[in-house]
Amino acid sequence: MLERPRVWIDHVLIAVPDLAEGARKMEDAYGLRAIEGGRHPGVGTGNMIVPLGTSYLELIAVVDPGEASASAARVARAIQEGRTFVTWAARTDRLLGLRAQLQRAGLKLHEPYEGARTRPDGVTLRWRSLMLTPPHESSLLPFLIEWGVTPDQHPGAMPVTHPSGARGIRRLRLGDPNPAVAARQLAWLLGDEIAASTSVEPAKTAGVVAVEVDAPGGTIVIA
C-alpha cells in the first residue's frame, strides 16, 4: 500500500473493576499516577488517564451497567476473565484515507463513529474511531483513532508527575497463537512505525500481553 498514512501507538486500555482502586494500585505497583478522565456518554464506561507524552494508559471501568454498550461488555469480559488489558488504540491523522487503504487490502470495515467525553475541567474531547475487528473477537489488531483536539489537549499531554519518572511507552508486547503470521499482518496493514514499537509472541489468545514503559530507573513492565 503506497503512501500509507502515519500510524503510531496512542493508548492501551486496562480493565479495572473500580477506577479509584485501579489508580491506587497503578501508583503503588508501578509508580504511575493516574488522573481523572471522564465518562463516555451512552457507553456506560468511565476512565482515568496515565499520561505518557504522546501516548497514555487508560484505566477503564463499567460505571453504568444500565447504559452499557458493546464496548462496555468488552471491558466487563476482560475483568471476568482476569485479563489486564482490553485492547489498544493506534492513532492516525488521516483516518478516512487509512480506512480506504485497509479496505483495498481486503478488510471489511464499518464507518468510523464519533466519540466524546468531558474532562472534569469542562473541556470536551472529541475523536473518531474505527474498529478493525468485531468487539467480541480476540485480536492483536488495535482500533484506530483520530483525535479532534489540539496537541496540548491530547490525554497523553496532561500534566502529571509520575513517582517513577516514567516518560513514554517503549514497546507494546502482543500475543497470538501464530505470532510470525500475526506480526507480518500487523506490519503490512499498519506500517513500519507500529512494527518497530510492537513485538508479537506466542499466546493462546490474541491480544495485548504487556506494556513496557520507559523510566529513569529502567523499563517498567505492566502485564
Protein backbone atom coordinates (compact mmCIF):
# COMPACT_ATOMS: atom_id res chain seq x y z
CA MET A 1 0.00 0.00 0.00
CA LEU A 2 1.65 3.22 -1.17
CA GLU A 3 1.70 6.47 0.79
CA ARG A 4 0.21 4.89 3.88
CA PRO A 5 -0.93 7.47 6.45
CA ARG A 6 1.28 7.58 9.51
CA VAL A 7 0.12 5.29 12.34
CA TRP A 8 1.52 5.11 15.88
CA ILE A 9 0.57 3.82 19.34
CA ASP A 10 -1.99 6.09 21.00
CA HIS A 11 -3.12 4.28 24.13
CA VAL A 12 -3.64 0.94 25.84
CA LEU A 13 -6.86 0.10 27.71
CA ILE A 14 -6.52 -1.55 31.13
CA ALA A 15 -9.71 -3.01 32.60
CA VAL A 16 -10.37 -2.31 36.29
CA PRO A 17 -13.43 -3.06 38.45
CA ASP A 18 -13.08 0.28 40.25
CA LEU A 19 -11.30 3.37 38.92
CA ALA A 20 -10.05 4.77 42.23
CA GLU A 21 -8.72 1.41 43.38
CA GLY A 22 -7.19 0.77 39.97
CA ALA A 23 -5.39 4.12 40.12
CA ARG A 24 -4.07 3.39 43.60
CA LYS A 25 -2.70 0.02 42.51
CA MET A 26 -1.11 1.56 39.40
CA GLU A 27 0.79 4.07 41.52
CA ASP A 28 1.76 1.59 44.26
CA ALA A 29 2.93 -1.14 41.88
CA TYR A 30 4.47 0.88 39.05
CA GLY A 31 4.95 4.46 40.20
CA LEU A 32 2.49 5.66 37.55
CA ARG A 33 0.00 8.32 38.55
CA ALA A 34 -3.50 8.31 37.05
CA ILE A 35 -5.63 11.43 36.83
CA GLU A 36 -9.35 11.86 36.34
CA GLY A 37 -10.64 11.32 32.84
CA GLY A 38 -14.39 11.36 32.50
CA ARG A 39 -17.47 9.44 31.43
CA HIS A 40 -18.28 8.05 27.99
CA PRO A 41 -21.93 9.06 27.44
CA GLY A 42 -24.12 6.29 26.09
CA VAL A 43 -21.35 3.70 26.51
CA GLY A 44 -21.53 3.03 30.25
CA THR A 45 -17.81 3.38 30.95
CA GLY A 46 -15.58 5.90 32.68
CA ASN A 47 -11.82 6.27 32.78
CA MET A 48 -8.71 7.59 34.44
CA ILE A 49 -5.64 8.52 32.43
CA VAL A 50 -1.93 7.77 32.90
CA PRO A 51 -0.32 10.41 30.64
CA LEU A 52 2.91 9.37 28.92
CA GLY A 53 3.64 12.16 26.45
CA THR A 54 2.35 11.27 23.00
CA SER A 55 0.63 8.15 24.35
CA TYR A 56 -1.12 7.05 27.52
CA LEU A 57 -2.61 4.22 29.51
CA GLU A 58 -6.36 4.28 30.05
CA LEU A 59 -7.83 2.71 33.16
CA ILE A 60 -11.38 1.90 32.14
CA ALA A 61 -14.31 0.57 34.16
CA VAL A 62 -18.02 -0.06 33.66
CA VAL A 63 -19.63 2.71 35.73
CA ASP A 64 -23.22 2.47 34.48
CA PRO A 65 -24.33 -1.08 33.58
CA GLY A 66 -27.73 0.30 32.57
CA GLU A 67 -26.33 2.05 29.51
CA ALA A 68 -23.54 -0.42 28.78
CA SER A 69 -22.69 -0.85 25.10
CA ALA A 70 -20.65 -3.49 23.28
CA SER A 71 -17.51 -1.61 24.33
CA ALA A 72 -18.53 -1.81 27.99
CA ALA A 73 -19.25 -5.51 27.57
CA ARG A 74 -15.70 -5.95 26.30
CA VAL A 75 -14.37 -4.30 29.47
CA ALA A 76 -16.59 -6.43 31.69
CA ARG A 77 -15.48 -9.58 29.88
CA ALA A 78 -11.80 -8.75 30.42
CA ILE A 79 -12.40 -8.32 34.14
CA GLN A 80 -14.42 -11.53 34.36
CA GLU A 81 -11.67 -13.48 32.58
CA GLY A 82 -8.94 -11.99 34.75
CA ARG A 83 -7.20 -10.20 31.86
CA THR A 84 -5.33 -6.95 32.46
CA PHE A 85 -5.85 -5.47 29.00
CA VAL A 86 -8.97 -4.84 26.94
CA THR A 87 -7.35 -3.72 23.69
CA TRP A 88 -5.20 -0.90 22.33
CA ALA A 89 -5.58 2.05 20.00
CA ALA A 90 -3.38 3.20 17.12
CA ARG A 91 -3.55 6.85 16.14
CA THR A 92 -3.61 8.43 12.72
CA ASP A 93 -4.33 11.93 11.46
CA ARG A 94 -5.84 10.57 8.23
CA LEU A 95 -8.45 8.07 9.36
CA LEU A 96 -10.56 8.05 6.20
CA GLY A 97 -7.51 7.66 3.97
CA LEU A 98 -6.23 4.78 6.07
CA ARG A 99 -9.68 3.18 6.08
CA ALA A 100 -9.75 3.29 2.29
CA GLN A 101 -6.34 1.61 2.09
CA LEU A 102 -7.34 -1.10 4.55
CA GLN A 103 -10.50 -1.77 2.57
CA ARG A 104 -8.42 -2.18 -0.58
CA ALA A 105 -6.29 -4.64 1.40
CA GLY A 106 -9.40 -6.77 1.98
CA LEU A 107 -10.70 -5.64 5.38
CA LYS A 108 -14.47 -5.17 5.64
CA LEU A 109 -14.93 -2.06 7.75
CA HIS A 110 -17.87 -0.04 9.05
CA GLU A 111 -17.97 3.73 9.00
CA PRO A 112 -16.00 5.48 11.78
CA TYR A 113 -18.05 6.51 14.77
CA GLU A 114 -17.88 9.74 16.73
CA GLY A 115 -16.83 9.72 20.37
CA ALA A 116 -16.62 12.34 23.10
CA ARG A 117 -16.15 12.80 26.81
CA THR A 118 -15.96 15.86 29.03
CA ARG A 119 -13.00 16.26 31.37
CA PRO A 120 -13.53 17.39 34.98
CA ASP A 121 -12.36 20.90 33.96
CA GLY A 122 -15.20 21.14 31.45
CA VAL A 123 -13.15 20.61 28.29
CA THR A 124 -14.87 18.26 25.85
CA LEU A 125 -12.60 15.90 23.94
CA ARG A 126 -13.78 14.57 20.59
CA TRP A 127 -12.48 11.81 18.34
CA ARG A 128 -13.39 9.39 15.58
CA SER A 129 -12.77 5.66 15.98
CA LEU A 130 -12.70 2.73 13.60
CA MET A 131 -12.89 -0.89 14.69
CA LEU A 132 -10.75 -3.29 12.68
CA THR A 133 -12.30 -6.40 14.26
CA PRO A 134 -15.64 -7.08 15.97
CA PRO A 135 -15.58 -6.34 19.73
CA HIS A 136 -16.39 -9.95 20.63
CA GLU A 137 -13.42 -11.38 18.71
CA SER A 138 -9.93 -11.80 20.15
CA SER A 139 -7.36 -9.98 18.05
CA LEU A 140 -4.00 -8.28 18.41
CA LEU A 141 -5.10 -5.61 15.94
CA PRO A 142 -5.92 -2.24 17.52
CA PHE A 143 -8.82 0.02 16.85
CA LEU A 144 -7.92 3.25 15.06
CA ILE A 145 -8.46 6.72 16.46
CA GLU A 146 -8.25 10.22 15.03
CA TRP A 147 -8.37 12.98 17.63
CA GLY A 148 -10.20 16.25 17.08
CA VAL A 149 -8.22 18.13 19.73
CA THR A 150 -5.21 20.40 19.91
CA PRO A 151 -1.89 18.70 20.84
CA ASP A 152 -1.99 20.07 24.40
CA GLN A 153 -5.48 18.58 24.91
CA HIS A 154 -4.45 15.04 23.98
CA PRO A 155 -4.77 12.82 27.07
CA GLY A 156 -1.08 11.86 26.93
CA ALA A 157 -0.09 15.52 27.26
CA MET A 158 -1.97 16.15 30.52
CA PRO A 159 0.38 17.49 33.23
CA VAL A 160 1.37 14.89 35.81
CA THR A 161 4.43 13.89 37.84
CA HIS A 162 4.93 10.14 37.99
CA PRO A 163 6.80 8.89 41.10
CA SER A 164 8.76 6.57 38.78
CA GLY A 165 9.69 9.40 36.41
CA ALA A 166 8.06 7.46 33.55
CA ARG A 167 8.25 9.23 30.21
CA GLY A 168 6.65 7.13 27.48
CA ILE A 169 5.67 3.74 26.12
CA ARG A 170 8.81 1.92 24.97
CA ARG A 171 7.17 -1.14 23.45
CA LEU A 172 3.83 -2.89 23.27
CA ARG A 173 4.03 -6.67 23.56
CA LEU A 174 1.27 -8.52 21.74
CA GLY A 175 0.40 -12.20 21.68
CA ASP A 176 -1.07 -14.52 19.08
CA PRO A 177 -1.29 -18.29 18.50
CA ASN A 178 0.58 -17.72 15.20
CA PRO A 179 2.98 -14.89 16.10
CA ALA A 180 5.04 -14.80 12.91
CA VAL A 181 1.96 -14.55 10.69
CA ALA A 182 0.33 -12.02 13.01
CA ALA A 183 3.44 -9.81 13.10
CA ARG A 184 3.61 -9.72 9.32
CA GLN A 185 -0.08 -8.84 9.06
CA LEU A 186 0.27 -6.06 11.63
CA ALA A 187 3.23 -4.52 9.80
CA TRP A 188 1.58 -4.90 6.39
CA LEU A 189 -1.65 -3.26 7.49
CA LEU A 190 -0.35 -0.51 9.75
CA GLY A 191 3.26 0.14 8.72
CA ASP A 192 6.81 0.27 9.94
CA GLU A 193 6.30 2.63 12.89
CA ILE A 194 3.82 0.25 14.51
CA ALA A 195 6.03 -2.74 13.67
CA ALA A 196 9.03 -1.07 15.32
CA SER A 197 7.17 -0.25 18.54
CA THR A 198 5.49 -3.65 18.98
CA SER A 199 6.52 -7.28 19.27
CA VAL A 200 4.44 -10.42 18.86
CA GLU A 201 4.97 -13.54 20.95
CA PRO A 202 3.21 -16.89 21.27
CA ALA A 203 -0.05 -16.79 23.22
CA LYS A 204 -3.16 -18.95 23.44
CA THR A 205 -5.40 -15.95 22.85
CA ALA A 206 -4.63 -12.95 20.65
CA GLY A 207 -4.31 -9.57 22.34
CA VAL A 208 -2.09 -7.37 24.46
CA VAL A 209 0.39 -9.24 26.66
CA ALA A 210 2.34 -6.41 28.30
CA VAL A 211 3.28 -2.74 28.06
CA GLU A 212 6.88 -1.62 28.55
CA VAL A 213 7.23 1.94 29.85
CA ASP A 214 10.47 3.95 29.82
CA ALA A 215 11.64 5.29 33.18
CA PRO A 216 14.98 6.56 34.54
CA GLY A 217 15.33 3.52 36.80
CA GLY A 218 14.74 1.05 33.99
CA THR A 219 11.86 -0.34 31.98
CA ILE A 220 8.55 -0.73 33.80
CA VAL A 221 6.66 -3.81 32.62
CA ILE A 222 2.88 -3.88 33.09
CA ALA A 223 1.42 -7.31 32.44
